[in-house]
Amino acid sequence: MNDKIKIHLLMAGTAYPLTIRREDEETVREAARQVNVRLKQYRDYYPEASTEQLLGMVAYQFAMENLQMNRRNDTAPYTEKLKELTGLLEACFKEDEP
């Protein structure tokens, strides 16, 4: 059975034909819905702006949220500290060995 399907997404008044994995359909459609919702919010707030300008604002907002989320999920500082503490504990246990 083919796990790929063809769909059409409508974003900013333009149809985008896509071939996606069947299991990704809900996520893909939700992403398009979110773009349209934010586009409408910006269009309501900035009625004089062009669609291209509004899409730039939407892209910027998504990019900022993505960067903020990545920073919140950055575990590198904790991983380094855990390695350091593990090393200290291992050194203490080695000193106690007969």
C-alpha atoms as a PDB file:
ATOM      1  CA  MET A   1       0.000   0.000   0.000  1.00  0.00           C
ATOM      2  CA  ASN A   2       1.255   3.459  -0.899  1.00  0.00           C
ATOM      3  CA  ASP A   3       1.907   5.552   2.181  1.00  0.00           C
ATOM      4  CA  LYS A   4       2.047   8.799   0.159  1.00  0.00           C
ATOM      5  CA  ILE A   5      -0.992  10.924  -0.640  1.00  0.00           C
ATOM      6  CA  LYS A   6      -1.552  14.048  -2.706  1.00  0.00           C
ATOM      7  CA  ILE A   7      -3.283  16.986  -1.053  1.00  0.00           C
ATOM      8  CA  HIS A   8      -3.881  20.646  -1.809  1.00  0.00           C
ATOM      9  CA  LEU A   9      -3.297  23.233   0.886  1.00  0.00           C
ATOM     10  CA  LEU A  10      -4.793  26.690   0.628  1.00  0.00           C
ATOM     11  CA  MET A  11      -2.635  29.346   2.249  1.00  0.00           C
ATOM     12  CA  ALA A  12      -2.958  33.089   1.682  1.00  0.00           C
ATOM     13  CA  GLY A  13      -5.373  32.433  -1.173  1.00  0.00           C
ATOM     14  CA  THR A  14      -2.927  30.211  -3.066  1.00  0.00           C
ATOM     15  CA  ALA A  15      -3.302  26.454  -3.516  1.00  0.00           C
ATOM     16  CA  TYR A  16      -0.203  24.356  -2.909  1.00  0.00           C
ATOM     17  CA  PRO A  17      -0.254  20.787  -4.237  1.00  0.00           C
ATOM     18  CA  LEU A  18       1.801  18.495  -2.016  1.00  0.00           C
ATOM     19  CA  THR A  19       2.666  14.837  -1.846  1.00  0.00           C
ATOM     20  CA  ILE A  20       3.055  13.824   1.786  1.00  0.00           C
ATOM     21  CA  ARG A  21       3.156  10.746   3.940  1.00  0.00           C
ATOM     22  CA  ARG A  22      -0.331   9.705   4.965  1.00  0.00           C
ATOM     23  CA  GLU A  23       0.564   9.833   8.674  1.00  0.00           C
ATOM     24  CA  ASP A  24       1.690  13.483   8.308  1.00  0.00           C
ATOM     25  CA  GLU A  25      -1.580  14.764   6.864  1.00  0.00           C
ATOM     26  CA  GLU A  26      -3.058  16.053  10.115  1.00  0.00           C
ATOM     27  CA  THR A  27       0.140  17.909  11.029  1.00  0.00           C
ATOM     28  CA  VAL A  28       0.545  19.386   7.542  1.00  0.00           C
ATOM     29  CA  ARG A  29      -3.032  20.624   7.466  1.00  0.00           C
ATOM     30  CA  GLU A  30      -2.746  22.077  10.985  1.00  0.00           C
ATOM     31  CA  ALA A  31       0.415  23.949   9.982  1.00  0.00           C
ATOM     32  CA  ALA A  32      -1.403  25.493   7.008  1.00  0.00           C
ATOM     33  CA  ARG A  33      -4.347  26.370   9.244  1.00  0.00           C
ATOM     34  CA  GLN A  34      -2.032  28.138  11.677  1.00  0.00           C
ATOM     35  CA  VAL A  35      -0.468  30.149   8.846  1.00  0.00           C
ATOM     36  CA  ASN A  36      -3.930  31.240   7.684  1.00  0.00           C
ATOM     37  CA  VAL A  37      -5.054  32.133  11.219  1.00  0.00           C
ATOM     38  CA  ARG A  38      -1.993  34.296  11.831  1.00  0.00           C
ATOM     39  CA  LEU A  39      -2.253  35.837   8.390  1.00  0.00           C
ATOM     40  CA  LYS A  40      -5.838  36.860   9.146  1.00  0.00           C
ATOM     41  CA  GLN A  41      -4.773  38.339  12.494  1.00  0.00           C
ATOM     42  CA  TYR A  42      -2.109  40.451  10.811  1.00  0.00           C
ATOM     43  CA  ARG A  43      -4.463  41.376   7.960  1.00  0.00           C
ATOM     44  CA  ASP A  44      -7.043  42.601  10.492  1.00  0.00           C
ATOM     45  CA  TYR A  45      -4.398  44.631  12.339  1.00  0.00           C
ATOM     46  CA  TYR A  46      -2.583  45.921   9.227  1.00  0.00           C
ATOM     47  CA  PRO A  47      -5.260  46.162   6.517  1.00  0.00           C
ATOM     48  CA  GLU A  48      -3.062  48.311   4.276  1.00  0.00           C
ATOM     49  CA  ALA A  49      -0.175  45.810   4.149  1.00  0.00           C
ATOM     50  CA  SER A  50       0.359  43.579   1.105  1.00  0.00           C
ATOM     51  CA  THR A  51       0.012  39.817   1.333  1.00  0.00           C
ATOM     52  CA  GLU A  52       3.775  39.508   0.893  1.00  0.00           C
ATOM     53  CA  GLN A  53       4.404  41.831   3.841  1.00  0.00           C
ATOM     54  CA  LEU A  54       1.892  39.960   5.969  1.00  0.00           C
ATOM     55  CA  LEU A  55       3.441  36.599   5.082  1.00  0.00           C
ATOM     56  CA  GLY A  56       6.826  38.010   6.080  1.00  0.00           C
ATOM     57  CA  MET A  57       5.399  38.950   9.474  1.00  0.00           C
ATOM     58  CA  VAL A  58       3.878  35.486   9.873  1.00  0.00           C
ATOM     59  CA  ALA A  59       7.207  33.845   8.940  1.00  0.00           C
ATOM     60  CA  TYR A  60       9.036  36.101  11.395  1.00  0.00           C
ATOM     61  CA  GLN A  61       6.617  35.227  14.201  1.00  0.00           C
ATOM     62  CA  PHE A  62       6.998  31.485  13.572  1.00  0.00           C
ATOM     63  CA  ALA A  63      10.796  31.830  13.386  1.00  0.00           C
ATOM     64  CA  MET A  64      10.917  33.705  16.707  1.00  0.00           C
ATOM     65  CA  GLU A  65       8.735  31.091  18.397  1.00  0.00           C
ATOM     66  CA  ASN A  66      10.909  28.313  16.984  1.00  0.00           C
ATOM     67  CA  LEU A  67      14.110  29.949  18.248  1.00  0.00           C
ATOM     68  CA  GLN A  68      12.618  30.576  21.678  1.00  0.00           C
ATOM     69  CA  MET A  69      11.441  26.982  21.914  1.00  0.00           C
ATOM     70  CA  ASN A  70      14.859  25.682  20.853  1.00  0.00           C
ATOM     71  CA  ARG A  71      16.541  27.779  23.527  1.00  0.00           C
ATOM     72  CA  ARG A  72      14.162  26.475  26.186  1.00  0.00           C
ATOM     73  CA  ASN A  73      14.928  22.924  25.111  1.00  0.00           C
ATOM     74  CA  ASP A  74      18.699  23.396  24.975  1.00  0.00           C
ATOM     75  CA  THR A  75      20.017  20.797  27.396  1.00  0.00           C
ATOM     76  CA  ALA A  76      23.724  21.183  26.506  1.00  0.00           C
ATOM     77  CA  PRO A  77      24.605  23.227  29.624  1.00  0.00           C
ATOM     78  CA  TYR A  78      22.945  20.608  31.839  1.00  0.00           C
ATOM     79  CA  THR A  79      24.575  17.731  30.000  1.00  0.00           C
ATOM     80  CA  GLU A  80      28.017  19.278  30.462  1.00  0.00           C
ATOM     81  CA  LYS A  81      27.389  19.833  34.172  1.00  0.00           C
ATOM     82  CA  LEU A  82      26.156  16.246  34.583  1.00  0.00           C
ATOM     83  CA  LYS A  83      29.318  14.953  32.891  1.00  0.00           C
ATOM     84  CA  GLU A  84      31.428  17.066  35.225  1.00  0.00           C
ATOM     85  CA  LEU A  85      29.576  15.845  38.328  1.00  0.00           C
ATOM     86  CA  THR A  86      29.709  12.239  37.116  1.00  0.00           C
ATOM     87  CA  GLY A  87      33.461  12.574  36.731  1.00  0.00           C
ATOM     88  CA  LEU A  88      33.770  13.914  40.259  1.00  0.00           C
ATOM     89  CA  LEU A  89      31.664  11.085  41.665  1.00  0.00           C
ATOM     90  CA  GLU A  90      33.642   8.464  39.771  1.00  0.00           C
ATOM     91  CA  ALA A  91      36.889   9.959  41.093  1.00  0.00           C
ATOM     92  CA  CYS A  92      35.514   9.797  44.659  1.00  0.00           C
ATOM     93  CA  PHE A  93      34.527   6.158  44.280  1.00  0.00           C
ATOM     94  CA  LYS A  94      37.927   5.255  42.849  1.00  0.00           C
ATOM     95  CA  GLU A  95      39.637   6.821  45.863  1.00  0.00           C
ATOM     96  CA  ASP A  96      37.509   4.663  48.200  1.00  0.00           C
ATOM     97  CA  GLU A  97      38.389   1.398  46.409  1.00  0.00           C
ATOM     98  CA  PRO A  98      40.868  -0.873  48.199  1.00  0.00           C
END
